Amino acid sequence: MKESGALVSPPTRTWYQKKRNILRIVLLMLCLGELVAVGVKYDDHVRQFLWIGIAGYCTALLFFSYIFTYVVLRYGKRQSVTRRADLLLAIFIFFLSLFPLIMLGRVTADIVQGPVVKTVHVVEIWDPRRGGDRVRIEDGKEYELGNRRIVIESGGKYRIQALEYSGMILAAEEQN
């Protein structure tokens, strides 16, 4: 019986020659390259946040690639009713995988730019019980506090070190 499907490879092709595995290997090599670049370029507290971002989003992309491949390979072996469900699931997984891809792009932009230092006026602080330690500054941007030891009060003026694209405050000191 002949299998139909875009991701089915000829039986003579070994696992490392399959296109989907080549894409996964490229993703892993890019992630390892970013991890090494961060390890060489940044010190402890910045490195920690960038490594967590890179590792987490690359893992999510790799996980979604396996689920997507499974659903697409299963698509050709099903009847028409379940094919529609598999197609909808594949589309849903594709759109779900856009979030870690965008966030990985933001972390990569932070690696290239590095942490920025600027003086901000804090307008609002979210209650940690409401879903996170976040602050809103006067220009409308929101940042997440990267550490519990960072103390920021509402209405205060602070000099912050932040990852601009990820929206993470790494350090803050009060200004007069």
Protein backbone atom coordinates (compact mmCIF):
# COMPACT_ATOMS: atom_id res chain seq x y z
CA MET A 1 0.00 0.00 0.00
CA LYS A 2 1.40 3.36 -1.00
CA GLU A 3 1.51 6.03 1.70
CA SER A 4 0.62 9.57 0.84
CA GLY A 5 1.97 12.52 2.73
CA ALA A 6 4.37 15.40 2.35
CA LEU A 7 6.68 14.25 5.15
CA VAL A 8 7.03 10.59 4.16
CA SER A 9 10.54 9.92 2.89
CA PRO A 10 11.72 7.14 0.61
CA PRO A 11 12.72 4.00 2.54
CA THR A 12 16.32 4.29 1.30
CA ARG A 13 16.83 7.61 3.07
CA THR A 14 18.42 7.35 6.54
CA TRP A 15 17.16 9.35 9.52
CA TYR A 16 19.74 12.14 9.19
CA GLN A 17 18.91 12.68 5.50
CA LYS A 18 15.22 13.38 6.09
CA LYS A 19 14.24 17.01 5.64
CA ARG A 20 12.39 17.28 8.93
CA ASN A 21 15.40 15.95 10.84
CA ILE A 22 17.75 18.28 8.98
CA LEU A 23 15.54 21.21 10.07
CA ARG A 24 15.62 19.97 13.67
CA ILE A 25 19.42 19.66 13.55
CA VAL A 26 19.70 23.20 12.14
CA LEU A 27 17.43 24.48 14.95
CA LEU A 28 19.57 22.76 17.57
CA MET A 29 22.80 24.07 16.03
CA LEU A 30 21.43 27.62 16.02
CA CYS A 31 20.35 27.29 19.63
CA LEU A 32 23.72 25.88 20.68
CA GLY A 33 25.42 28.72 18.81
CA GLU A 34 23.31 31.26 20.68
CA LEU A 35 24.05 29.55 24.01
CA VAL A 36 27.79 29.70 23.33
CA ALA A 37 27.59 33.34 22.20
CA VAL A 38 25.75 34.29 25.39
CA GLY A 39 28.26 32.35 27.50
CA VAL A 40 31.16 34.21 25.94
CA LYS A 41 29.60 37.69 25.76
CA TYR A 42 27.70 38.20 29.03
CA ASP A 43 28.24 37.84 32.77
CA ASP A 44 26.24 35.83 35.32
CA HIS A 45 22.91 37.60 35.85
CA VAL A 46 22.34 38.51 32.19
CA ARG A 47 23.54 35.11 31.02
CA GLN A 48 21.06 33.33 33.27
CA PHE A 49 17.98 35.03 31.76
CA LEU A 50 19.17 34.67 28.17
CA TRP A 51 20.03 30.98 28.60
CA ILE A 52 16.63 30.26 30.13
CA GLY A 53 14.91 32.01 27.21
CA ILE A 54 16.95 30.28 24.51
CA ALA A 55 16.68 26.81 26.02
CA GLY A 56 12.97 27.10 26.77
CA TYR A 57 11.84 28.42 23.40
CA CYS A 58 14.10 26.03 21.43
CA THR A 59 12.72 23.12 23.43
CA ALA A 60 9.15 24.24 22.73
CA LEU A 61 9.89 24.53 18.99
CA LEU A 62 11.49 21.09 18.93
CA PHE A 63 8.53 19.60 20.82
CA PHE A 64 6.01 21.19 18.42
CA SER A 65 7.99 19.89 15.43
CA TYR A 66 7.56 16.31 16.64
CA ILE A 67 3.84 16.71 17.31
CA PHE A 68 3.28 18.45 13.96
CA THR A 69 5.16 15.67 12.12
CA TYR A 70 3.14 13.01 13.91
CA VAL A 71 -0.17 14.65 13.01
CA VAL A 72 0.81 15.16 9.36
CA LEU A 73 2.05 11.56 8.99
CA ARG A 74 -1.17 10.31 10.60
CA TYR A 75 -3.23 12.45 8.19
CA GLY A 76 -2.64 10.15 5.21
CA LYS A 77 -3.75 7.03 7.06
CA ARG A 78 -7.17 8.28 8.17
CA GLN A 79 -10.68 8.51 6.78
CA SER A 80 -12.14 11.81 5.61
CA VAL A 81 -13.84 12.75 8.90
CA THR A 82 -10.74 12.28 11.00
CA ARG A 83 -8.58 13.85 8.28
CA ARG A 84 -10.37 17.15 8.85
CA ALA A 85 -9.70 16.90 12.58
CA ASP A 86 -6.04 16.10 11.90
CA LEU A 87 -5.80 19.04 9.50
CA LEU A 88 -7.30 21.41 12.08
CA LEU A 89 -4.94 20.03 14.72
CA ALA A 90 -1.94 20.54 12.41
CA ILE A 91 -3.02 24.14 11.71
CA PHE A 92 -3.53 24.74 15.44
CA ILE A 93 -0.06 23.36 16.26
CA PHE A 94 1.48 25.51 13.52
CA PHE A 95 -0.06 28.67 14.98
CA LEU A 96 0.84 27.55 18.50
CA SER A 97 4.48 27.20 17.44
CA LEU A 98 4.58 30.82 16.23
CA PHE A 99 4.71 32.10 19.84
CA PRO A 100 8.00 30.39 20.80
CA LEU A 101 9.42 31.35 17.40
CA ILE A 102 8.62 35.03 17.96
CA MET A 103 9.90 34.91 21.53
CA LEU A 104 13.13 33.22 20.40
CA GLY A 105 13.52 36.08 17.92
CA ARG A 106 13.13 38.57 20.78
CA VAL A 107 15.75 36.78 22.86
CA THR A 108 18.08 36.78 19.84
CA ALA A 109 17.53 40.53 19.43
CA ASP A 110 18.40 40.98 23.11
CA ILE A 111 21.60 38.97 22.58
CA VAL A 112 22.61 41.24 19.71
CA GLN A 113 21.66 44.51 21.46
CA GLY A 114 22.59 43.58 25.01
CA PRO A 115 20.98 44.97 28.14
CA VAL A 116 20.06 48.66 28.04
CA VAL A 117 20.41 51.08 30.94
CA LYS A 118 17.85 53.86 31.22
CA THR A 119 16.06 56.02 33.75
CA VAL A 120 12.32 55.42 34.04
CA HIS A 121 9.39 56.63 36.12
CA VAL A 122 7.27 53.74 37.40
CA VAL A 123 3.52 54.35 37.07
CA GLU A 124 2.03 51.05 38.23
CA ILE A 125 3.20 47.84 39.90
CA TRP A 126 1.21 44.64 39.53
CA ASP A 127 0.49 42.64 42.62
CA PRO A 128 2.48 39.37 42.48
CA ARG A 129 -0.67 37.48 43.49
CA ARG A 130 -2.36 38.72 40.29
CA GLY A 131 -0.01 36.86 37.99
CA GLY A 132 3.52 38.16 38.13
CA ASP A 133 5.89 40.89 39.14
CA ARG A 134 5.33 43.42 36.39
CA VAL A 135 5.72 47.18 36.28
CA ARG A 136 4.40 49.79 33.86
CA ILE A 137 6.53 52.85 33.17
CA GLU A 138 5.38 56.30 32.08
CA ASP A 139 5.75 55.68 28.33
CA GLY A 140 3.35 52.70 28.55
CA LYS A 141 5.87 49.85 28.32
CA GLU A 142 5.57 46.94 30.69
CA TYR A 143 8.51 45.08 32.16
CA GLU A 144 8.75 41.96 34.26
CA LEU A 145 11.00 41.94 37.32
CA GLY A 146 13.73 39.38 36.77
CA ASN A 147 14.45 38.76 40.44
CA ARG A 148 12.58 38.94 43.75
CA ARG A 149 15.37 41.05 45.22
CA ILE A 150 14.58 43.92 42.84
CA VAL A 151 12.52 46.40 44.87
CA ILE A 152 10.52 48.98 42.95
CA GLU A 153 7.85 51.28 44.37
CA SER A 154 4.99 52.85 42.43
CA GLY A 155 5.62 56.49 41.56
CA GLY A 156 9.39 56.23 41.97
CA LYS A 157 12.15 57.08 39.53
CA TYR A 158 14.63 54.29 38.85
CA ARG A 159 17.69 53.58 36.78
CA ILE A 160 17.11 50.11 35.33
CA GLN A 161 19.13 47.58 33.41
CA ALA A 162 16.71 45.72 31.15
CA LEU A 163 16.48 43.36 28.24
CA GLU A 164 14.45 45.61 25.95
CA TYR A 165 12.86 43.07 23.60
CA SER A 166 12.12 40.43 26.23
CA GLY A 167 10.78 43.04 28.64
CA MET A 168 12.82 41.89 31.64
CA ILE A 169 14.31 44.17 34.31
CA LEU A 170 17.62 42.72 35.49
CA ALA A 171 18.60 45.40 38.02
CA ALA A 172 17.14 48.62 39.39
CA GLU A 173 18.43 51.39 41.62
CA GLU A 174 16.43 54.33 42.91
CA GLN A 175 17.21 57.82 41.61
CA ASN A 176 16.57 61.07 43.49
